[in-house]
Amino acid sequence: MRPDQVVHSDPEILGGTPVFVGTRVPVRTLIDHLEAGDTIEQFLHSFPSVSRDQTVAALEMASDFLADSAHSHR
């Protein structure tokens, strides 16, 4: 998925908080659920407006960002 199909930020939606495209579900909510020990399936059950593809893509984007950030600080 392209990043613009996964997450976006709009000042009119939750004050610009990054949310999954087509929803009002903040991306931070996914991270909070995973930190609490929930599975992706549990998150998707709680937020059916978020697709599995969006969820996986968001985690991949976060992973890529962290890897790129770590490499740029060497």
Protein backbone atom coordinates (compact mmCIF):
# COMPACT_ATOMS: atom_id res chain seq x y z
CA MET A 1 0.00 0.00 0.00
CA ARG A 2 1.09 3.55 -0.63
CA PRO A 3 1.56 5.67 2.50
CA ASP A 4 -1.32 7.93 1.42
CA GLN A 5 -3.62 4.88 1.62
CA VAL A 6 -2.55 4.05 5.16
CA VAL A 7 -2.27 7.14 7.34
CA HIS A 8 -3.10 10.80 7.01
CA SER A 9 -3.41 13.90 9.11
CA ASP A 10 -6.11 16.51 8.65
CA PRO A 11 -6.69 19.45 11.01
CA GLU A 12 -10.44 18.78 10.67
CA ILE A 13 -10.09 15.21 11.97
CA LEU A 14 -9.09 14.90 15.63
CA GLY A 15 -7.12 18.13 15.44
CA GLY A 16 -4.61 16.73 12.96
CA THR A 17 -3.77 13.55 14.86
CA PRO A 18 -2.48 10.93 12.39
CA VAL A 19 -5.32 8.49 11.70
CA PHE A 20 -5.87 5.51 9.43
CA VAL A 21 -7.22 6.70 6.08
CA GLY A 22 -11.02 6.53 5.92
CA THR A 23 -11.37 6.33 9.70
CA ARG A 24 -11.11 8.41 12.84
CA VAL A 25 -8.86 5.79 14.46
CA PRO A 26 -5.52 7.27 15.54
CA VAL A 27 -2.46 5.25 14.57
CA ARG A 28 -1.33 5.62 18.18
CA THR A 29 -4.28 3.41 19.15
CA LEU A 30 -2.69 0.49 17.30
CA ILE A 31 0.59 1.00 19.14
CA ASP A 32 -1.23 1.30 22.48
CA HIS A 33 -3.05 -1.98 21.86
CA LEU A 34 0.13 -3.80 20.90
CA GLU A 35 1.95 -2.38 23.94
CA ALA A 36 -0.89 -3.69 26.13
CA GLY A 37 -0.33 -7.18 24.72
CA ASP A 38 -3.25 -7.29 22.31
CA THR A 39 -2.86 -9.06 18.99
CA ILE A 40 -3.46 -7.47 15.62
CA GLU A 41 -6.65 -9.55 15.42
CA GLN A 42 -7.89 -8.05 18.70
CA PHE A 43 -7.13 -4.55 17.44
CA LEU A 44 -8.94 -5.21 14.14
CA HIS A 45 -11.93 -6.64 16.02
CA SER A 46 -12.11 -3.48 18.13
CA PHE A 47 -11.67 -1.19 15.11
CA PRO A 48 -13.33 -2.85 12.10
CA SER A 49 -13.02 0.33 10.02
CA VAL A 50 -9.25 -0.27 9.85
CA SER A 51 -8.18 -2.91 7.34
CA ARG A 52 -5.59 -5.59 7.97
CA ASP A 53 -3.60 -4.19 5.02
CA GLN A 54 -3.55 -0.73 6.60
CA THR A 55 -2.48 -2.18 9.95
CA VAL A 56 0.39 -4.19 8.49
CA ALA A 57 1.46 -1.30 6.27
CA ALA A 58 1.51 1.10 9.25
CA LEU A 59 3.73 -1.29 11.20
CA GLU A 60 6.02 -1.69 8.19
CA MET A 61 6.21 2.10 7.81
CA ALA A 62 7.11 2.45 11.50
CA SER A 63 9.76 -0.26 11.17
CA ASP A 64 11.26 1.40 8.09
CA PHE A 65 11.29 4.77 9.83
CA LEU A 66 13.07 3.36 12.88
CA ALA A 67 15.63 1.51 10.76
CA ASP A 68 16.30 4.60 8.65
CA SER A 69 16.56 6.76 11.76
CA ALA A 70 19.04 4.37 13.38
CA HIS A 71 21.20 4.33 10.25
CA SER A 72 21.23 8.13 10.00
CA HIS A 73 22.57 8.47 13.56
CA ARG A 74 25.70 6.41 12.98
